[in-house]
Amino acid sequence: MEKPLNGKNILVVDDDREIVRAIALLLEAEGYTVFTAYDGMQALDVLSAQDIHLILLDVMMPRLDGLSTMMRIREKRNVPVIVLSAKSEDTDKVLGLEMGADDYVTKPFNPMELMARVRSHLRRYTRLGDMYNQTSQVLVNGRLTFNLQEKVLYADGEPVRLTPTEMKIVELLMRNPGRIFPAEEIYERVWGDEAYTTENTVMVHIRRIREKIELNPSAPEYLKVVWGIGYKFERH
């Protein structure tokens, strides 16, 4: 079994204290430092005071629910967020992803699966860009510029706020302009897991990226779908 990235700080947010305790025990056994919160307001307080590397976030909570909390987090931070929810419908999963989540785990969850997802997202967060080798430190395509060293995408000279997952997708596609990537390959290369019914997950992230980089998201110039095949970044 792959060893975890010890020394990383994980915030567990859930109004069910038993669930928080159980997840904390799992994470601490893997060598992580765990911070806890029982509603969205407490979670934001912890984030302002601690260097958090990943968040496990429940949806239904008092004072400030999970989705509202995630919106507040995304205003300032790109830390990976895995949503925990008893809701299993695809519409709820898509909503969570639309609001800025990087992944979605349905309760009751398999402890081994949860830990695998935590490790996967921490790998991507801490080693962003290590998957590919390219000597150039800047990718330029039309009005878009990706600074590989800073890990910042600029559109018309202005920085674009991307989540870690969105950033990885953009980097993959910008490094390979014109190449069509099936959704399954994007998922496997970005998430680092085998792809099973992942089209919705990839599609939602692609849509969010379009809204951030395209002048007209409904008629994209850069991030295009090739129906029945996949997605590509148009060369400009």
Protein backbone atom coordinates (compact mmCIF):
# COMPACT_ATOMS: atom_id res chain seq x y z
CA MET A 1 0.00 0.00 0.00
CA GLU A 2 1.24 3.47 -0.87
CA LYS A 3 2.27 5.53 2.12
CA PRO A 4 0.29 8.73 2.74
CA LEU A 5 1.76 12.18 2.47
CA ASN A 6 2.45 12.51 6.19
CA GLY A 7 2.48 15.97 7.67
CA LYS A 8 -0.51 17.15 5.64
CA ASN A 9 -3.36 18.91 7.42
CA ILE A 10 -6.90 17.77 6.70
CA LEU A 11 -10.07 19.52 7.84
CA VAL A 12 -13.10 17.29 8.49
CA VAL A 13 -16.41 19.18 8.56
CA ASP A 14 -19.65 17.43 9.57
CA ASP A 15 -22.36 18.13 12.12
CA ASP A 16 -22.41 14.43 13.07
CA ARG A 17 -19.68 14.20 15.70
CA GLU A 18 -19.52 10.41 15.46
CA ILE A 19 -18.74 10.61 11.75
CA VAL A 20 -16.11 13.27 12.40
CA ARG A 21 -14.54 11.09 15.09
CA ALA A 22 -14.52 8.00 12.84
CA ILE A 23 -12.96 9.84 9.89
CA ALA A 24 -10.40 11.51 12.15
CA LEU A 25 -9.29 8.13 13.47
CA LEU A 26 -8.84 6.83 9.92
CA LEU A 27 -6.83 9.85 8.86
CA GLU A 28 -4.67 9.95 11.98
CA ALA A 29 -3.87 6.25 11.54
CA GLU A 30 -2.55 7.18 8.08
CA GLY A 31 -0.31 9.88 9.54
CA TYR A 32 -2.32 13.00 8.75
CA THR A 33 -2.96 15.90 11.12
CA VAL A 34 -6.72 16.37 11.52
CA PHE A 35 -8.65 19.54 12.27
CA THR A 36 -12.39 19.33 12.90
CA ALA A 37 -15.43 21.57 12.54
CA TYR A 38 -19.15 20.91 13.01
CA ASP A 39 -20.64 23.59 10.78
CA GLY A 40 -19.59 25.85 7.95
CA MET A 41 -18.78 28.85 10.11
CA GLN A 42 -16.41 26.81 12.27
CA ALA A 43 -14.80 25.44 9.10
CA LEU A 44 -14.08 28.95 7.80
CA ASP A 45 -12.57 29.90 11.16
CA VAL A 46 -10.22 26.90 11.02
CA LEU A 47 -9.24 27.72 7.43
CA SER A 48 -8.34 31.28 8.38
CA ALA A 49 -6.09 30.08 11.21
CA GLN A 50 -4.51 26.87 9.83
CA ASP A 51 -2.65 25.75 6.72
CA ILE A 52 -5.14 23.16 5.42
CA HIS A 53 -4.21 20.90 2.50
CA LEU A 54 -7.55 19.10 1.95
CA ILE A 55 -11.15 19.39 3.20
CA LEU A 56 -13.76 16.67 3.72
CA LEU A 57 -17.03 18.60 3.75
CA ASP A 58 -20.54 17.49 4.63
CA VAL A 59 -23.45 19.08 2.75
CA MET A 60 -26.28 19.28 5.30
CA MET A 61 -25.09 21.33 8.29
CA PRO A 62 -26.49 24.05 10.56
CA ARG A 63 -25.56 27.74 10.47
CA LEU A 64 -23.81 27.49 7.08
CA ASP A 65 -24.37 24.45 4.86
CA GLY A 66 -21.64 22.67 2.93
CA LEU A 67 -22.34 24.14 -0.51
CA SER A 68 -22.46 27.69 0.84
CA THR A 69 -19.26 27.02 2.77
CA MET A 70 -17.59 25.76 -0.40
CA MET A 71 -18.54 28.93 -2.26
CA ARG A 72 -16.92 30.99 0.50
CA ILE A 73 -13.81 28.78 0.40
CA ARG A 74 -13.47 29.11 -3.37
CA GLU A 75 -13.46 32.89 -3.11
CA LYS A 76 -10.00 32.70 -1.52
CA ARG A 77 -8.59 29.17 -1.59
CA ASN A 78 -7.89 26.42 -4.15
CA VAL A 79 -7.54 23.67 -1.55
CA PRO A 80 -9.05 20.34 -2.71
CA VAL A 81 -12.57 19.70 -1.38
CA ILE A 82 -14.19 16.26 -1.19
CA VAL A 83 -17.92 16.52 -0.50
CA LEU A 84 -19.53 13.99 1.85
CA SER A 85 -23.27 13.57 1.53
CA ALA A 86 -26.05 11.06 2.09
CA LYS A 87 -27.58 12.18 -1.20
CA SER A 88 -26.60 9.85 -4.02
CA GLU A 89 -28.57 11.21 -6.99
CA ASP A 90 -26.56 12.37 -9.99
CA THR A 91 -28.15 15.83 -9.80
CA ASP A 92 -26.80 16.30 -6.27
CA LYS A 93 -23.34 15.16 -7.33
CA VAL A 94 -23.35 17.53 -10.29
CA LEU A 95 -24.49 20.40 -8.06
CA GLY A 96 -21.63 19.75 -5.66
CA LEU A 97 -19.13 19.73 -8.53
CA GLU A 98 -20.69 22.86 -10.02
CA MET A 99 -20.19 24.68 -6.73
CA GLY A 100 -16.46 23.92 -6.75
CA ALA A 101 -15.97 20.45 -5.26
CA ASP A 102 -13.12 18.32 -6.60
CA ASP A 103 -14.75 15.01 -5.72
CA TYR A 104 -17.89 13.51 -4.19
CA VAL A 105 -18.27 10.58 -1.76
CA THR A 106 -21.69 9.24 -0.79
CA LYS A 107 -22.48 8.15 2.77
CA PRO A 108 -22.17 5.49 3.97
CA PHE A 109 -18.69 5.39 2.44
CA ASN A 110 -16.11 2.65 2.20
CA PRO A 111 -13.18 3.67 4.47
CA MET A 112 -10.58 2.28 2.05
CA GLU A 113 -12.14 4.16 -0.87
CA LEU A 114 -12.25 7.39 1.14
CA MET A 115 -8.57 7.09 2.08
CA ALA A 116 -7.64 6.31 -1.53
CA ARG A 117 -9.42 9.46 -2.70
CA VAL A 118 -7.73 11.53 -0.01
CA ARG A 119 -4.30 10.28 -1.09
CA SER A 120 -5.10 10.87 -4.76
CA HIS A 121 -6.16 14.49 -4.24
CA LEU A 122 -3.22 15.26 -1.97
CA ARG A 123 -0.83 13.85 -4.58
CA ARG A 124 -2.30 16.16 -7.22
CA TYR A 125 -2.39 19.15 -4.91
CA THR A 126 1.22 18.84 -3.74
CA ARG A 127 2.76 17.63 -7.00
CA LEU A 128 0.74 19.68 -9.46
CA GLY A 129 2.52 19.62 -12.79
CA ASP A 130 4.89 16.74 -12.02
CA MET A 131 3.00 14.37 -14.31
CA TYR A 132 4.43 15.95 -17.44
CA ASN A 133 7.92 17.01 -18.46
CA GLN A 134 8.32 20.20 -20.46
CA THR A 135 11.25 22.59 -20.41
CA SER A 136 9.25 25.72 -21.25
CA GLN A 137 7.90 27.54 -18.20
CA VAL A 138 5.08 29.27 -20.09
CA LEU A 139 2.35 27.92 -22.36
CA VAL A 140 0.80 30.53 -24.65
CA ASN A 141 -2.32 29.97 -26.74
CA GLY A 142 -4.04 33.08 -28.11
CA ARG A 143 -5.33 35.20 -25.22
CA LEU A 144 -4.44 32.51 -22.67
CA THR A 145 -1.10 32.11 -20.90
CA PHE A 146 -0.29 29.32 -18.43
CA ASN A 147 2.72 29.97 -16.19
CA LEU A 148 3.96 26.49 -15.26
CA GLN A 149 6.20 27.69 -12.47
CA GLU A 150 3.59 29.86 -10.78
CA LYS A 151 0.76 27.42 -11.66
CA VAL A 152 -1.38 30.36 -12.74
CA LEU A 153 -3.52 30.72 -15.86
CA TYR A 154 -3.91 34.21 -17.29
CA ALA A 155 -6.69 35.30 -19.66
CA ASP A 156 -6.01 38.63 -21.36
CA GLY A 157 -3.32 39.23 -18.74
CA GLU A 158 -5.66 38.70 -15.78
CA PRO A 159 -5.23 35.68 -13.46
CA VAL A 160 -8.01 33.09 -13.62
CA ARG A 161 -9.09 31.51 -10.33
CA LEU A 162 -8.99 27.75 -10.91
CA THR A 163 -9.44 24.86 -8.49
CA PRO A 164 -6.59 22.29 -8.39
CA THR A 165 -8.63 19.90 -10.54
CA GLU A 166 -9.52 22.57 -13.09
CA MET A 167 -5.88 23.63 -13.23
CA LYS A 168 -4.75 20.10 -13.94
CA ILE A 169 -7.28 19.71 -16.76
CA VAL A 170 -6.25 23.02 -18.30
CA GLU A 171 -2.57 22.11 -18.10
CA LEU A 172 -3.15 18.71 -19.68
CA LEU A 173 -5.12 20.17 -22.59
CA MET A 174 -2.91 23.24 -23.11
CA ARG A 175 0.18 21.04 -23.28
CA ASN A 176 -1.49 19.08 -26.08
CA PRO A 177 -3.33 21.61 -28.28
CA GLY A 178 -5.49 20.02 -30.95
CA ARG A 179 -5.37 16.55 -29.41
CA ILE A 180 -8.74 15.03 -28.52
CA PHE A 181 -8.91 13.49 -25.05
CA PRO A 182 -11.76 11.09 -24.21
CA ALA A 183 -13.42 11.86 -20.86
CA GLU A 184 -12.11 8.55 -19.49
CA GLU A 185 -8.50 9.48 -20.26
CA ILE A 186 -8.89 12.94 -18.76
CA TYR A 187 -10.27 11.37 -15.58
CA GLU A 188 -7.51 8.76 -15.32
CA ARG A 189 -4.71 11.28 -15.95
CA VAL A 190 -6.11 14.07 -13.77
CA TRP A 191 -7.77 12.16 -10.93
CA GLY A 192 -5.23 9.34 -10.99
CA ASP A 193 -7.92 6.65 -10.70
CA GLU A 194 -9.56 4.22 -13.09
CA ALA A 195 -12.49 5.73 -14.93
CA TYR A 196 -15.97 4.31 -14.26
CA THR A 197 -18.99 6.31 -15.48
CA THR A 198 -16.99 9.53 -15.18
CA GLU A 199 -18.53 11.53 -18.04
CA ASN A 200 -20.64 13.74 -15.74
CA THR A 201 -17.69 14.56 -13.49
CA VAL A 202 -15.44 15.58 -16.39
CA MET A 203 -18.26 17.43 -18.16
CA VAL A 204 -19.02 19.59 -15.13
CA HIS A 205 -15.37 20.57 -14.72
CA ILE A 206 -15.08 21.39 -18.43
CA ARG A 207 -18.17 23.60 -18.18
CA ARG A 208 -16.76 25.43 -15.15
CA ILE A 209 -13.45 26.03 -16.94
CA ARG A 210 -15.27 27.40 -19.99
CA GLU A 211 -17.18 29.85 -17.82
CA LYS A 212 -13.87 31.15 -16.50
CA ILE A 213 -11.78 31.38 -19.69
CA GLU A 214 -14.15 31.84 -22.63
CA LEU A 215 -15.52 35.20 -23.70
CA ASN A 216 -18.72 33.37 -24.69
CA PRO A 217 -18.95 29.99 -22.90
CA SER A 218 -21.88 28.89 -25.09
CA ALA A 219 -19.68 29.32 -28.19
CA PRO A 220 -16.20 28.43 -26.91
CA GLU A 221 -13.08 29.35 -28.88
CA TYR A 222 -10.64 27.25 -26.89
CA LEU A 223 -12.11 24.39 -24.89
CA LYS A 224 -14.23 22.42 -27.33
CA VAL A 225 -16.17 19.17 -27.31
CA VAL A 226 -15.81 16.70 -30.14
CA TRP A 227 -19.15 14.92 -29.93
CA GLY A 228 -18.89 11.22 -29.24
CA ILE A 229 -15.12 11.38 -28.79
CA GLY A 230 -13.99 13.81 -26.11
CA TYR A 231 -12.54 17.27 -25.50
CA LYS A 232 -9.70 19.29 -26.98
CA PHE A 233 -7.99 22.66 -26.64
CA GLU A 234 -8.09 24.54 -29.96
CA ARG A 235 -4.80 25.99 -31.13
CA HIS A 236 -4.76 29.78 -31.65
